[in-house]
Amino acid sequence: MRKLLLTVITSLVLFSQSLLAVNVNTADAVAIAEELNGIGLKKAQAIIDYRKANGNFKTIEALTEVKGIGLKTVEKNRELIELTSKSVN
């Protein structure tokens, strides 16, 4: 019973994190600003502008190429950033 409860809790935590994650390759500026810590509308728009000019982000660390976004910001948001769409089977 304890193992089942632990599995359920772990699943719920992972599921709730996926609900809060934002795909920086598809999201608009408002969604990015709302979901990521330390990212306001100006930086969120910079992410979109960079994405339009350079294509989709291949790694989370590539966000540091956006002016105003450093590794510290990326690290504190790592669990909230998605790069690919999740498929539903």
N, C-alpha and C. Protein backbone atom coordinates (compact mmCIF):
# COMPACT_ATOMS: atom_id res chain seq x y z
N MET A 1 0.83 -1.19 0.00
CA MET A 1 0.00 0.00 0.00
C MET A 1 0.87 1.26 0.00
N ARG A 2 1.94 1.21 0.78
CA ARG A 2 2.83 2.37 0.87
C ARG A 2 3.51 2.66 -0.47
N LYS A 3 3.89 1.59 -1.16
CA LYS A 3 4.54 1.73 -2.47
C LYS A 3 3.55 2.33 -3.49
N LEU A 4 2.32 1.89 -3.44
CA LEU A 4 1.29 2.42 -4.33
C LEU A 4 1.05 3.91 -4.06
N LEU A 5 0.98 4.27 -2.80
CA LEU A 5 0.78 5.66 -2.42
C LEU A 5 1.94 6.53 -2.90
N LEU A 6 3.15 6.05 -2.73
CA LEU A 6 4.33 6.77 -3.20
C LEU A 6 4.30 6.95 -4.72
N THR A 7 3.90 5.92 -5.43
CA THR A 7 3.80 5.99 -6.88
C THR A 7 2.75 7.02 -7.30
N VAL A 8 1.63 7.04 -6.64
CA VAL A 8 0.57 8.00 -6.96
C VAL A 8 1.04 9.43 -6.69
N ILE A 9 1.67 9.64 -5.56
CA ILE A 9 2.16 10.98 -5.22
C ILE A 9 3.21 11.44 -6.23
N THR A 10 4.13 10.58 -6.57
CA THR A 10 5.16 10.92 -7.55
C THR A 10 4.53 11.26 -8.90
N SER A 11 3.56 10.48 -9.31
CA SER A 11 2.87 10.74 -10.57
C SER A 11 2.16 12.08 -10.56
N LEU A 12 1.51 12.39 -9.45
CA LEU A 12 0.82 13.68 -9.34
C LEU A 12 1.79 14.85 -9.39
N VAL A 13 2.92 14.72 -8.74
CA VAL A 13 3.92 15.79 -8.76
C VAL A 13 4.43 15.99 -10.18
N LEU A 14 4.77 14.92 -10.86
CA LEU A 14 5.25 15.03 -12.23
C LEU A 14 4.18 15.59 -13.16
N PHE A 15 2.95 15.18 -12.97
CA PHE A 15 1.85 15.68 -13.78
C PHE A 15 1.62 17.17 -13.54
N SER A 16 1.67 17.59 -12.28
CA SER A 16 1.46 19.01 -11.98
C SER A 16 2.58 19.86 -12.54
N GLN A 17 3.82 19.35 -12.54
CA GLN A 17 4.93 20.09 -13.14
C GLN A 17 4.74 20.24 -14.63
N SER A 18 4.23 19.21 -15.29
CA SER A 18 4.02 19.30 -16.73
C SER A 18 2.93 20.29 -17.07
N LEU A 19 1.98 20.49 -16.17
CA LEU A 19 0.94 21.48 -16.41
C LEU A 19 1.48 22.89 -16.32
N LEU A 20 2.51 23.09 -15.52
CA LEU A 20 3.07 24.42 -15.34
C LEU A 20 4.17 24.73 -16.33
N ALA A 21 4.70 23.71 -17.00
CA ALA A 21 5.80 23.93 -17.93
C ALA A 21 5.32 24.70 -19.15
N VAL A 22 6.24 25.46 -19.74
CA VAL A 22 5.92 26.24 -20.92
C VAL A 22 6.90 25.88 -22.03
N ASN A 23 6.37 25.69 -23.23
CA ASN A 23 7.19 25.36 -24.38
C ASN A 23 7.67 26.67 -24.99
N VAL A 24 8.95 26.97 -24.83
CA VAL A 24 9.51 28.24 -25.31
C VAL A 24 9.62 28.28 -26.83
N ASN A 25 9.39 27.16 -27.49
CA ASN A 25 9.42 27.13 -28.95
C ASN A 25 8.06 27.39 -29.58
N THR A 26 7.01 27.39 -28.77
CA THR A 26 5.67 27.60 -29.32
C THR A 26 4.84 28.64 -28.56
N ALA A 27 5.18 28.90 -27.32
CA ALA A 27 4.36 29.78 -26.48
C ALA A 27 4.49 31.25 -26.90
N ASP A 28 3.45 32.01 -26.57
CA ASP A 28 3.51 33.45 -26.80
C ASP A 28 4.17 34.13 -25.60
N ALA A 29 4.42 35.41 -25.72
CA ALA A 29 5.14 36.16 -24.68
C ALA A 29 4.40 36.14 -23.34
N VAL A 30 3.10 36.25 -23.37
CA VAL A 30 2.32 36.27 -22.13
C VAL A 30 2.48 34.95 -21.38
N ALA A 31 2.37 33.84 -22.09
CA ALA A 31 2.51 32.52 -21.45
C ALA A 31 3.90 32.33 -20.87
N ILE A 32 4.92 32.74 -21.61
CA ILE A 32 6.29 32.62 -21.12
C ILE A 32 6.49 33.45 -19.87
N ALA A 33 6.02 34.70 -19.90
CA ALA A 33 6.17 35.60 -18.75
C ALA A 33 5.42 35.09 -17.53
N GLU A 34 4.26 34.50 -17.75
CA GLU A 34 3.45 34.01 -16.62
C GLU A 34 4.06 32.78 -15.97
N GLU A 35 4.70 31.91 -16.74
CA GLU A 35 5.17 30.64 -16.21
C GLU A 35 6.60 30.65 -15.70
N LEU A 36 7.46 31.51 -16.25
CA LEU A 36 8.86 31.47 -15.87
C LEU A 36 9.20 32.54 -14.84
N ASN A 37 9.96 32.16 -13.84
CA ASN A 37 10.39 33.06 -12.78
C ASN A 37 11.48 33.99 -13.28
N GLY A 38 11.33 35.29 -13.02
CA GLY A 38 12.34 36.26 -13.41
C GLY A 38 12.25 36.68 -14.86
N ILE A 39 11.21 36.26 -15.56
CA ILE A 39 11.00 36.62 -16.96
C ILE A 39 9.71 37.44 -17.05
N GLY A 40 9.87 38.70 -17.40
CA GLY A 40 8.71 39.55 -17.63
C GLY A 40 8.38 39.57 -19.11
N LEU A 41 7.43 40.44 -19.47
CA LEU A 41 7.01 40.51 -20.87
C LEU A 41 8.13 40.93 -21.81
N LYS A 42 9.00 41.83 -21.35
CA LYS A 42 10.08 42.29 -22.21
C LYS A 42 11.05 41.15 -22.56
N LYS A 43 11.45 40.39 -21.55
CA LYS A 43 12.36 39.26 -21.80
C LYS A 43 11.64 38.15 -22.56
N ALA A 44 10.37 37.95 -22.25
CA ALA A 44 9.60 36.94 -22.97
C ALA A 44 9.52 37.29 -24.45
N GLN A 45 9.33 38.56 -24.75
CA GLN A 45 9.29 38.99 -26.15
C GLN A 45 10.66 38.81 -26.79
N ALA A 46 11.72 39.03 -26.03
CA ALA A 46 13.08 38.82 -26.54
C ALA A 46 13.29 37.35 -26.90
N ILE A 47 12.72 36.44 -26.12
CA ILE A 47 12.79 35.01 -26.42
C ILE A 47 12.11 34.72 -27.75
N ILE A 48 10.94 35.29 -27.94
CA ILE A 48 10.20 35.08 -29.19
C ILE A 48 10.95 35.68 -30.37
N ASP A 49 11.47 36.89 -30.20
CA ASP A 49 12.22 37.54 -31.28
C ASP A 49 13.45 36.70 -31.66
N TYR A 50 14.14 36.18 -30.67
CA TYR A 50 15.31 35.34 -30.92
C TYR A 50 14.89 34.07 -31.66
N ARG A 51 13.80 33.48 -31.21
CA ARG A 51 13.28 32.25 -31.82
C ARG A 51 12.91 32.48 -33.29
N LYS A 52 12.28 33.61 -33.57
CA LYS A 52 11.91 33.94 -34.96
C LYS A 52 13.14 34.15 -35.83
N ALA A 53 14.17 34.76 -35.28
CA ALA A 53 15.38 35.06 -36.05
C ALA A 53 16.29 33.85 -36.22
N ASN A 54 16.29 32.94 -35.23
CA ASN A 54 17.27 31.85 -35.21
C ASN A 54 16.69 30.45 -35.24
N GLY A 55 15.40 30.33 -35.22
CA GLY A 55 14.77 29.01 -35.19
C GLY A 55 14.54 28.54 -33.75
N ASN A 56 13.93 27.40 -33.63
CA ASN A 56 13.61 26.85 -32.32
C ASN A 56 14.85 26.58 -31.48
N PHE A 57 14.67 26.66 -30.17
CA PHE A 57 15.74 26.35 -29.23
C PHE A 57 15.94 24.84 -29.23
N LYS A 58 17.18 24.42 -29.36
CA LYS A 58 17.51 22.98 -29.37
C LYS A 58 17.82 22.48 -27.97
N THR A 59 18.34 23.36 -27.12
CA THR A 59 18.65 23.02 -25.73
C THR A 59 18.13 24.12 -24.83
N ILE A 60 17.91 23.79 -23.59
CA ILE A 60 17.48 24.80 -22.63
C ILE A 60 18.56 25.84 -22.43
N GLU A 61 19.80 25.42 -22.45
CA GLU A 61 20.92 26.34 -22.27
C GLU A 61 21.02 27.38 -23.37
N ALA A 62 20.45 27.08 -24.55
CA ALA A 62 20.47 28.03 -25.67
C ALA A 62 19.71 29.31 -25.33
N LEU A 63 18.87 29.26 -24.34
CA LEU A 63 18.15 30.48 -23.91
C LEU A 63 19.11 31.56 -23.42
N THR A 64 20.30 31.16 -23.02
CA THR A 64 21.28 32.15 -22.55
C THR A 64 21.79 33.02 -23.70
N GLU A 65 21.51 32.64 -24.93
CA GLU A 65 21.87 33.46 -26.09
C GLU A 65 20.95 34.67 -26.24
N VAL A 66 19.82 34.64 -25.55
CA VAL A 66 18.87 35.76 -25.58
C VAL A 66 19.39 36.84 -24.64
N LYS A 67 19.46 38.06 -25.15
CA LYS A 67 19.96 39.17 -24.34
C LYS A 67 19.10 39.33 -23.08
N GLY A 68 19.77 39.39 -21.94
CA GLY A 68 19.08 39.58 -20.67
C GLY A 68 18.75 38.30 -19.93
N ILE A 69 19.06 37.15 -20.52
CA ILE A 69 18.78 35.88 -19.87
C ILE A 69 20.09 35.15 -19.65
N GLY A 70 20.40 34.95 -18.39
CA GLY A 70 21.65 34.29 -18.03
C GLY A 70 21.42 32.87 -17.57
N LEU A 71 22.51 32.18 -17.30
CA LEU A 71 22.45 30.79 -16.88
C LEU A 71 21.70 30.64 -15.55
N LYS A 72 21.83 31.63 -14.68
CA LYS A 72 21.13 31.57 -13.39
C LYS A 72 19.61 31.53 -13.59
N THR A 73 19.12 32.35 -14.49
CA THR A 73 17.69 32.38 -14.79
C THR A 73 17.25 31.07 -15.41
N VAL A 74 18.05 30.55 -16.31
CA VAL A 74 17.73 29.27 -16.96
C VAL A 74 17.68 28.16 -15.91
N GLU A 75 18.67 28.12 -15.03
CA GLU A 75 18.72 27.06 -14.03
C GLU A 75 17.53 27.09 -13.07
N LYS A 76 17.12 28.27 -12.67
CA LYS A 76 15.99 28.31 -11.72
C LYS A 76 14.66 27.99 -12.39
N ASN A 77 14.64 27.97 -13.72
CA ASN A 77 13.42 27.65 -14.46
C ASN A 77 13.50 26.32 -15.21
N ARG A 78 14.59 25.61 -15.06
CA ARG A 78 14.83 24.40 -15.85
C ARG A 78 13.63 23.44 -15.87
N GLU A 79 13.03 23.21 -14.74
CA GLU A 79 11.91 22.26 -14.65
C GLU A 79 10.63 22.81 -15.28
N LEU A 80 10.60 24.11 -15.56
CA LEU A 80 9.40 24.74 -16.12
C LEU A 80 9.49 24.95 -17.63
N ILE A 81 10.63 24.61 -18.22
CA ILE A 81 10.86 24.87 -19.64
C ILE A 81 10.74 23.59 -20.44
N GLU A 82 9.95 23.67 -21.50
CA GLU A 82 9.84 22.55 -22.45
C GLU A 82 10.34 23.04 -23.81
N LEU A 83 10.88 22.12 -24.58
CA LEU A 83 11.34 22.45 -25.93
C LEU A 83 10.53 21.73 -27.00
N THR A 84 9.89 20.65 -26.63
CA THR A 84 9.10 19.87 -27.60
C THR A 84 7.70 19.66 -27.06
N SER A 85 6.79 19.43 -27.98
CA SER A 85 5.41 19.16 -27.60
C SER A 85 5.29 17.73 -27.10
N LYS A 86 4.44 17.56 -26.13
CA LYS A 86 4.19 16.22 -25.62
C LYS A 86 3.07 15.61 -26.44
N SER A 87 3.27 14.38 -26.88
CA SER A 87 2.23 13.71 -27.65
C SER A 87 1.34 12.93 -26.71
N VAL A 88 0.07 12.90 -27.05
CA VAL A 88 -0.91 12.16 -26.26
C VAL A 88 -1.29 10.93 -27.05
N ASN A 89 -1.13 9.77 -26.44
CA ASN A 89 -1.45 8.51 -27.13
C ASN A 89 -2.86 8.08 -26.83
